[in-house]
Amino acid sequence: MSSAAVNELDQAAIGAAAGALEAGALVAFPTETVYGLGADAESPAAVARIYEAKGRPNDHPVIVHLAPGADLSYWASEIPAEARALVAAFWPGPLTLILKRASHIPDAVSGGQDTVGLRCPSHPVAMALLSAFKGGKGGVAAPSANKFGNVSPTTAQHVRDEFAGDVGPGNGARIAAVLDGGSSQVGIESTILDLSRLATHGPVLLRPGHISAKQIADVIGQMPGLPDQSAPRASGTLESHYAPKAPVALIAGAAVVETLAALQARQRQVAVIHYSAIALGGAQATLPGDPVGYAYGLYAALRAMDQTGADLILVETPPQGEAWLGVNDRLRRAAFGSAGTIEKFLQA
C-alpha cells in the first residue's frame, strides 16, 4: 500500500482511531509485517486490555511502535551508537530494538523487565496513525492482533475473524476499530535485536525476520549472537507459537505424496502447504519458492488450510539458509506442539 493510498482510507477514521487510543481503547492497525492490536503504551490500564483481549501472559512483553523521527531518549535510558546506526539504516521498517527502558515508561509493556522493545513500522497507515496519536509523540504498544499463540493476521479480515463479535465502537466491544490497510507486505513479524547488554553479550538476535543478521552486521560491524538463558524475554519467542487450530507437521518434499496417501488411507483429512511442483489432490496451498514471497503468503495459507477442517496440515519443509531463517522459525514454533502427530494418526 503506497503513501498515496492512505488518502483512500478515510482520514477521519485514522483520526478517530488515534482518539480512541488516547482514550484508552484498543485499535487494530496494519503494519508491513502483520496487523497489530494497539494501545497507549504509557497507560498500564490500556496495555492490560491488550493482554485480556488476547489471553496473553502478563510477563510476555509487547513491542512499542513509534512514529518516524520519534525521540528514542524518551523511551530508552541508554541508546548505544549501534542503535542509532540501525535506526538510520532500517527505520521505518521491520526491525525491533531491545534497549534499556526509561524509568518513567510503565513496565507493563516489558513484562516487568528493565528493557523495552521499540520499532517504527513502514506501513503508511501505521505511520499515519502513529503521527496522529498524541501528535506523533506517543507510543503504541502492539503485539499481533490475534488470540495469543495463534496464527498472526495479515489482513483486516483476519483480525475480524479472530475477534468476531468483539470489534466496533460502543456496545462493550474490546476493539474500538480495525484500520484496513490491505495485506501486510512482509507477512511475518519483525526481526528482534537485543542491544541492552552490549558490554557483556554484544548484539543478540532474539527473533529472525525480514532483516537478516548479515544486514545488521553490515551496519554495526558485528554479527549478532544467539540468545542464552539470560536474554530478555521478547515478543513471539515462546517454543509454541503462530499455530493454527489443526496440528502442523513439517515434512521433506520427497515424502509429502507418500505420507499424504498413507494418512488418507487412515481416513484422515489432510491439507498441504508446499512450494515445489508436487502433484496433489485435495486441500492445498502453493507458496512461492523464494523466501520473501513465501513469508508474504505463509500466514494466509495456514489460515486457509485450517478453515478446511483438516485433521492435520502438512507443510513441505522450506529450504534452509539465512534468507529462510524467519520462515523456518515461525514454522518450527507452529509445529512445536504437534510433534508425533503423523505417527499417532498412522497408528490409530
Protein backbone atom coordinates (compact mmCIF):
# COMPACT_ATOMS: atom_id res chain seq x y z
CA MET A 1 0.00 0.00 0.00
CA SER A 2 1.54 3.30 -1.09
CA SER A 3 1.52 6.54 0.85
CA ALA A 4 -0.97 7.91 -1.64
CA ALA A 5 -3.28 5.02 -0.80
CA VAL A 6 -3.61 6.37 2.74
CA ASN A 7 -5.70 9.14 1.23
CA GLU A 8 -8.16 6.47 0.13
CA LEU A 9 -8.55 5.41 3.76
CA ASP A 10 -10.87 7.87 5.43
CA GLN A 11 -8.62 10.35 7.22
CA ALA A 12 -11.41 10.76 9.74
CA ALA A 13 -11.07 7.05 10.51
CA ILE A 14 -7.38 7.48 11.30
CA GLY A 15 -8.13 10.50 13.45
CA ALA A 16 -10.90 8.64 15.26
CA ALA A 17 -8.60 5.67 15.83
CA ALA A 18 -5.92 7.94 17.28
CA GLY A 19 -8.56 9.50 19.55
CA ALA A 20 -9.70 6.05 20.66
CA LEU A 21 -6.13 5.14 21.58
CA GLU A 22 -5.76 8.36 23.55
CA ALA A 23 -8.98 7.48 25.40
CA GLY A 24 -7.53 4.12 26.44
CA ALA A 25 -9.26 1.92 23.86
CA LEU A 26 -7.75 -0.77 21.63
CA VAL A 27 -7.29 -0.31 17.87
CA ALA A 28 -6.11 -2.88 15.34
CA PHE A 29 -3.97 -1.49 12.54
CA PRO A 30 -1.80 -2.73 9.68
CA THR A 31 1.97 -2.82 9.69
CA GLU A 32 4.25 -4.08 6.95
CA THR A 33 4.82 -7.28 8.97
CA VAL A 34 1.42 -8.26 10.42
CA TYR A 35 -1.60 -6.46 11.87
CA GLY A 36 -1.11 -5.18 15.41
CA LEU A 37 -3.51 -4.74 18.33
CA GLY A 38 -2.59 -1.37 19.73
CA ALA A 39 -2.98 0.54 22.99
CA ASP A 40 -1.40 3.60 24.57
CA ALA A 41 1.99 2.29 25.72
CA GLU A 42 2.07 4.77 28.61
CA SER A 43 -1.25 3.59 30.06
CA PRO A 44 -0.93 0.38 32.09
CA ALA A 45 -4.71 0.06 32.10
CA ALA A 46 -4.86 0.27 28.31
CA VAL A 47 -1.99 -2.21 27.87
CA ALA A 48 -3.76 -4.57 30.28
CA ARG A 49 -6.72 -4.57 27.86
CA ILE A 50 -4.42 -6.00 25.16
CA TYR A 51 -3.41 -8.85 27.43
CA GLU A 52 -7.03 -9.50 28.36
CA ALA A 53 -8.30 -9.46 24.76
CA LYS A 54 -5.52 -11.75 23.51
CA GLY A 55 -5.35 -14.05 26.54
CA ARG A 56 -1.66 -13.16 26.69
CA PRO A 57 0.53 -13.99 29.72
CA ASN A 58 1.32 -10.82 31.68
CA ASP A 59 5.05 -11.49 31.65
CA HIS A 60 5.24 -11.71 27.84
CA PRO A 61 6.49 -8.32 26.54
CA VAL A 62 4.91 -6.26 23.80
CA ILE A 63 6.60 -4.01 21.24
CA VAL A 64 6.15 -0.23 21.36
CA HIS A 65 5.55 1.30 17.92
CA LEU A 66 6.81 4.83 17.32
CA ALA A 67 6.22 7.49 14.70
CA PRO A 68 9.05 8.37 12.29
CA GLY A 69 11.52 10.70 13.95
CA ALA A 70 10.40 9.82 17.49
CA ASP A 71 12.69 10.73 20.37
CA LEU A 72 14.29 7.44 21.43
CA SER A 73 15.68 9.02 24.60
CA TYR A 74 12.13 9.39 25.91
CA TRP A 75 11.67 5.62 25.80
CA ALA A 76 15.14 4.26 26.47
CA SER A 77 17.62 5.15 29.20
CA GLU A 78 20.60 4.00 27.13
CA ILE A 79 20.91 4.39 23.36
CA PRO A 80 24.17 2.94 22.06
CA ALA A 81 25.68 4.13 18.81
CA GLU A 82 24.75 0.78 17.26
CA ALA A 83 21.07 1.50 17.91
CA ARG A 84 21.22 4.88 16.21
CA ALA A 85 23.04 3.38 13.22
CA LEU A 86 20.41 0.67 12.83
CA VAL A 87 17.58 3.18 13.16
CA ALA A 88 19.15 5.24 10.39
CA ALA A 89 19.53 2.16 8.20
CA PHE A 90 16.26 0.31 8.77
CA TRP A 91 13.57 2.55 10.28
CA PRO A 92 10.83 2.81 9.28
CA GLY A 93 10.93 -0.94 8.79
CA PRO A 94 10.63 -4.43 10.28
CA LEU A 95 13.36 -4.19 12.94
CA THR A 96 12.66 -4.11 16.69
CA LEU A 97 15.42 -2.98 19.04
CA ILE A 98 15.55 -4.07 22.68
CA LEU A 99 17.01 -1.28 24.81
CA LYS A 100 17.16 -0.37 28.49
CA ARG A 101 13.76 1.06 29.43
CA ALA A 102 13.48 4.64 30.69
CA SER A 103 12.32 4.64 34.30
CA HIS A 104 9.07 6.52 33.62
CA ILE A 105 7.89 4.03 30.97
CA PRO A 106 5.48 1.51 32.55
CA ASP A 107 6.83 -1.99 32.94
CA ALA A 108 3.51 -3.29 31.60
CA VAL A 109 5.00 -3.15 28.09
CA SER A 110 8.08 -5.16 29.06
CA GLY A 111 6.58 -7.90 31.19
CA GLY A 112 8.25 -6.46 34.27
CA GLN A 113 11.74 -6.35 32.72
CA ASP A 114 14.05 -3.33 32.65
CA THR A 115 14.07 -3.33 28.85
CA VAL A 116 11.70 -2.12 26.14
CA GLY A 117 11.18 -3.22 22.54
CA LEU A 118 10.92 -0.32 20.08
CA ARG A 119 10.23 -0.13 16.37
CA CYS A 120 8.94 2.24 13.72
CA PRO A 121 6.75 0.45 11.15
CA SER A 122 6.88 1.42 7.48
CA HIS A 123 3.25 0.76 6.54
CA PRO A 124 1.75 4.13 5.52
CA VAL A 125 -1.44 3.59 7.55
CA ALA A 126 0.58 2.72 10.64
CA MET A 127 2.78 5.78 10.17
CA ALA A 128 -0.29 7.99 9.71
CA LEU A 129 -1.89 6.60 12.86
CA LEU A 130 1.29 6.96 14.93
CA SER A 131 1.80 10.51 13.66
CA ALA A 132 -1.77 11.42 14.62
CA PHE A 133 -1.60 9.75 18.05
CA LYS A 134 -0.52 12.36 20.61
CA GLY A 135 0.87 14.48 17.80
CA GLY A 136 3.44 11.83 16.95
CA LYS A 137 4.98 11.88 20.43
CA GLY A 138 3.22 8.83 21.83
CA GLY A 139 3.98 5.15 21.58
CA VAL A 140 1.54 2.38 20.71
CA ALA A 141 2.10 -0.99 22.34
CA ALA A 142 1.02 -3.53 19.76
CA PRO A 143 1.53 -7.29 19.61
CA SER A 144 -0.11 -9.13 16.73
CA ALA A 145 -3.89 -8.74 16.55
CA ASN A 146 -4.84 -12.35 17.29
CA LYS A 147 -5.51 -14.60 20.23
CA PHE A 148 -2.27 -15.49 21.98
CA GLY A 149 -0.31 -18.25 20.27
CA ASN A 150 -2.50 -18.31 17.15
CA VAL A 151 -1.51 -17.51 13.57
CA SER A 152 -0.80 -13.80 13.17
CA PRO A 153 -3.19 -11.79 10.96
CA THR A 154 -2.02 -10.26 7.70
CA THR A 155 -5.36 -8.72 6.63
CA ALA A 156 -8.07 -6.74 8.37
CA GLN A 157 -10.49 -9.62 7.78
CA HIS A 158 -8.18 -11.96 9.67
CA VAL A 159 -8.48 -9.63 12.66
CA ARG A 160 -12.27 -9.50 12.39
CA ASP A 161 -12.42 -13.29 12.14
CA GLU A 162 -10.17 -13.68 15.16
CA PHE A 163 -12.20 -11.32 17.33
CA ALA A 164 -15.63 -11.97 15.82
CA GLY A 165 -18.33 -10.01 17.62
CA ASP A 166 -15.78 -8.05 19.61
CA VAL A 167 -14.99 -5.23 17.18
CA GLY A 168 -16.68 -1.89 16.79
CA PRO A 169 -17.43 1.34 18.62
CA GLY A 170 -19.53 1.05 21.76
CA ASN A 171 -21.53 -1.99 22.85
CA GLY A 172 -18.70 -3.01 25.15
CA ALA A 173 -16.54 -4.23 22.24
CA ARG A 174 -12.94 -4.78 23.22
CA ILE A 175 -11.55 -3.36 19.95
CA ALA A 176 -12.79 0.10 19.00
CA ALA A 177 -11.73 -0.09 15.35
CA VAL A 178 -9.84 -2.09 12.74
CA LEU A 179 -8.00 0.03 10.18
CA ASP A 180 -7.82 -1.74 6.82
CA GLY A 181 -4.52 -1.28 5.02
CA GLY A 182 -4.65 -4.28 2.71
CA SER A 183 -2.37 -7.29 3.03
CA SER A 184 0.80 -6.92 5.09
CA GLN A 185 3.68 -6.87 2.64
CA VAL A 186 6.30 -8.73 4.71
CA GLY A 187 3.95 -11.29 6.24
CA ILE A 188 5.98 -12.38 9.28
CA GLU A 189 6.85 -10.46 12.41
CA SER A 190 9.80 -8.09 12.76
CA THR A 191 13.39 -9.07 13.46
CA ILE A 192 14.12 -8.51 17.17
CA LEU A 193 17.66 -7.49 18.17
CA ASP A 194 18.78 -7.12 21.78
CA LEU A 195 21.16 -4.20 22.31
CA SER A 196 20.53 -3.89 26.05
CA ARG A 197 23.59 -5.91 27.08
CA LEU A 198 26.23 -4.88 24.57
CA ALA A 199 29.07 -4.67 27.08
CA THR A 200 28.61 -8.25 28.27
CA HIS A 201 26.86 -10.10 25.44
CA GLY A 202 27.14 -7.96 22.33
CA PRO A 203 24.17 -7.72 19.96
CA VAL A 204 21.85 -10.75 20.21
CA LEU A 205 19.28 -11.87 17.64
CA LEU A 206 16.19 -12.80 19.66
CA ARG A 207 13.87 -13.41 16.69
CA PRO A 208 14.83 -13.69 13.00
CA GLY A 209 12.78 -11.83 10.43
CA HIS A 210 12.88 -9.96 7.14
CA ILE A 211 16.03 -8.05 8.13
CA SER A 212 18.83 -10.59 8.37
CA ALA A 213 21.73 -10.93 10.78
CA LYS A 214 24.12 -10.17 7.90
CA GLN A 215 22.31 -6.95 7.09
CA ILE A 216 22.60 -5.96 10.74
CA ALA A 217 26.29 -6.87 10.81
CA ASP A 218 26.91 -4.82 7.68
CA VAL A 219 25.70 -1.75 9.62
CA ILE A 220 27.23 -2.26 13.05
CA GLY A 221 30.30 -4.29 12.11
CA GLN A 222 29.46 -7.26 14.32
CA MET A 223 27.42 -10.40 13.65
CA PRO A 224 24.62 -10.82 16.23
CA GLY A 225 24.89 -13.78 18.55
CA LEU A 226 22.19 -16.22 19.62
CA PRO A 227 20.21 -15.84 22.85
CA ASP A 228 21.14 -17.64 26.06
CA GLN A 229 19.17 -18.17 29.26
CA SER A 230 19.89 -14.63 30.44
CA ALA A 231 18.47 -12.95 27.32
CA PRO A 232 15.45 -10.67 27.79
CA ARG A 233 12.07 -12.21 27.07
CA ALA A 234 10.77 -10.93 23.77
CA SER A 235 7.52 -10.99 21.85
CA GLY A 236 6.76 -14.14 19.86
CA THR A 237 9.69 -16.22 21.07
CA LEU A 238 7.93 -18.99 23.01
CA GLU A 239 8.57 -22.50 21.72
CA SER A 240 4.94 -23.00 20.70
CA HIS A 241 3.52 -20.03 18.78
CA TYR A 242 1.98 -18.94 15.45
CA ALA A 243 -0.12 -22.11 15.41
CA PRO A 244 -3.46 -22.82 13.69
CA LYS A 245 -6.11 -24.98 15.36
CA ALA A 246 -5.14 -28.07 13.37
CA PRO A 247 -1.79 -29.68 14.20
CA VAL A 248 1.08 -28.80 11.86
CA ALA A 249 3.73 -31.25 10.69
CA LEU A 250 6.84 -30.35 8.71
CA ILE A 251 7.87 -32.94 6.14
CA ALA A 252 10.51 -33.16 3.42
CA GLY A 253 9.17 -32.64 -0.08
CA ALA A 254 10.15 -36.13 -1.24
CA ALA A 255 7.93 -37.68 1.43
CA VAL A 256 4.84 -35.49 1.01
CA VAL A 257 2.97 -37.61 -1.54
CA GLU A 258 3.58 -40.93 0.21
CA THR A 259 2.73 -39.54 3.66
CA LEU A 260 -0.41 -37.87 2.37
CA ALA A 261 -1.60 -41.13 0.80
CA ALA A 262 -0.92 -43.10 4.00
CA LEU A 263 -2.86 -40.58 6.11
CA GLN A 264 -5.78 -40.51 3.68
CA ALA A 265 -5.89 -44.30 3.78
CA ARG A 266 -6.50 -43.90 7.50
CA GLN A 267 -9.43 -41.60 6.71
CA ARG A 268 -7.59 -38.50 7.86
CA GLN A 269 -8.47 -35.15 6.33
CA VAL A 270 -5.16 -33.57 5.38
CA ALA A 271 -4.31 -30.15 3.94
CA VAL A 272 -0.91 -29.45 2.40
CA ILE A 273 1.22 -26.32 2.07
CA HIS A 274 4.07 -26.71 -0.41
CA TYR A 275 6.33 -24.68 -2.67
CA SER A 276 7.75 -27.29 -5.05
CA ALA A 277 5.95 -28.84 -8.01
CA ILE A 278 4.14 -31.72 -6.32
CA ALA A 279 1.11 -33.36 -7.95
CA LEU A 280 -1.54 -33.43 -5.24
CA GLY A 281 -5.28 -33.56 -4.90
CA GLY A 282 -7.44 -32.08 -2.19
CA ALA A 283 -6.90 -29.06 0.01
CA GLN A 284 -3.59 -27.41 -0.71
CA ALA A 285 -1.83 -24.06 -0.88
CA THR A 286 1.16 -23.45 -3.11
CA LEU A 287 3.59 -20.78 -1.93
CA PRO A 288 6.41 -19.16 -3.93
CA GLY A 289 9.84 -20.77 -3.77
CA ASP A 290 11.59 -17.58 -2.69
CA PRO A 291 11.76 -16.54 0.99
CA VAL A 292 10.15 -13.13 0.50
CA GLY A 293 7.16 -14.48 -1.41
CA TYR A 294 6.84 -17.46 0.91
CA ALA A 295 6.80 -15.26 4.03
CA TYR A 296 4.21 -12.97 2.45
CA GLY A 297 1.78 -15.86 1.89
CA LEU A 298 2.57 -18.12 4.84
CA TYR A 299 0.06 -16.99 7.48
CA ALA A 300 -2.77 -16.60 5.00
CA ALA A 301 -2.06 -20.14 3.77
CA LEU A 302 -2.07 -21.55 7.32
CA ARG A 303 -5.40 -19.85 8.00
CA ALA A 304 -6.93 -21.03 4.73
CA MET A 305 -5.85 -24.63 5.26
CA ASP A 306 -7.11 -24.52 8.85
CA GLN A 307 -10.53 -23.44 7.60
CA THR A 308 -10.84 -26.61 5.50
CA GLY A 309 -11.47 -28.58 8.69
CA ALA A 310 -8.33 -30.67 8.16
CA ASP A 311 -7.20 -33.06 10.89
CA LEU A 312 -3.60 -32.18 10.02
CA ILE A 313 -1.73 -29.58 7.98
CA LEU A 314 1.33 -31.00 6.24
CA VAL A 315 3.92 -28.34 5.40
CA GLU A 316 6.72 -29.13 2.98
CA THR A 317 9.90 -28.14 4.82
CA PRO A 318 11.25 -24.94 3.23
CA PRO A 319 14.88 -24.56 2.17
CA GLN A 320 17.48 -23.76 4.82
CA GLY A 321 19.90 -20.83 4.81
CA GLU A 322 19.94 -17.35 6.29
CA ALA A 323 17.30 -15.92 3.96
CA TRP A 324 14.84 -18.56 5.21
CA LEU A 325 15.56 -18.20 8.96
CA GLY A 326 12.43 -16.15 9.69
CA VAL A 327 10.11 -18.52 7.82
CA ASN A 328 11.64 -21.62 9.39
CA ASP A 329 11.49 -20.06 12.85
CA ARG A 330 7.74 -19.42 12.52
CA LEU A 331 7.03 -22.90 11.14
CA ARG A 332 9.10 -24.59 13.84
CA ARG A 333 7.08 -22.83 16.52
CA ALA A 334 3.78 -23.54 14.72
CA ALA A 335 4.62 -27.25 14.68
CA PHE A 336 6.20 -27.46 18.13
CA GLY A 337 3.08 -28.63 19.95
CA SER A 338 2.25 -31.19 17.23
CA ALA A 339 5.33 -33.41 17.46
CA GLY A 340 4.49 -37.04 16.75
CA THR A 341 1.10 -36.29 15.21
CA ILE A 342 1.80 -38.10 11.93
CA GLU A 343 2.89 -41.26 13.75
CA LYS A 344 -0.11 -41.09 16.06
CA PHE A 345 -2.53 -40.78 13.14
CA LEU A 346 -0.91 -43.64 11.26
CA GLN A 347 -1.04 -45.93 14.30
CA ALA A 348 -4.63 -45.12 15.19
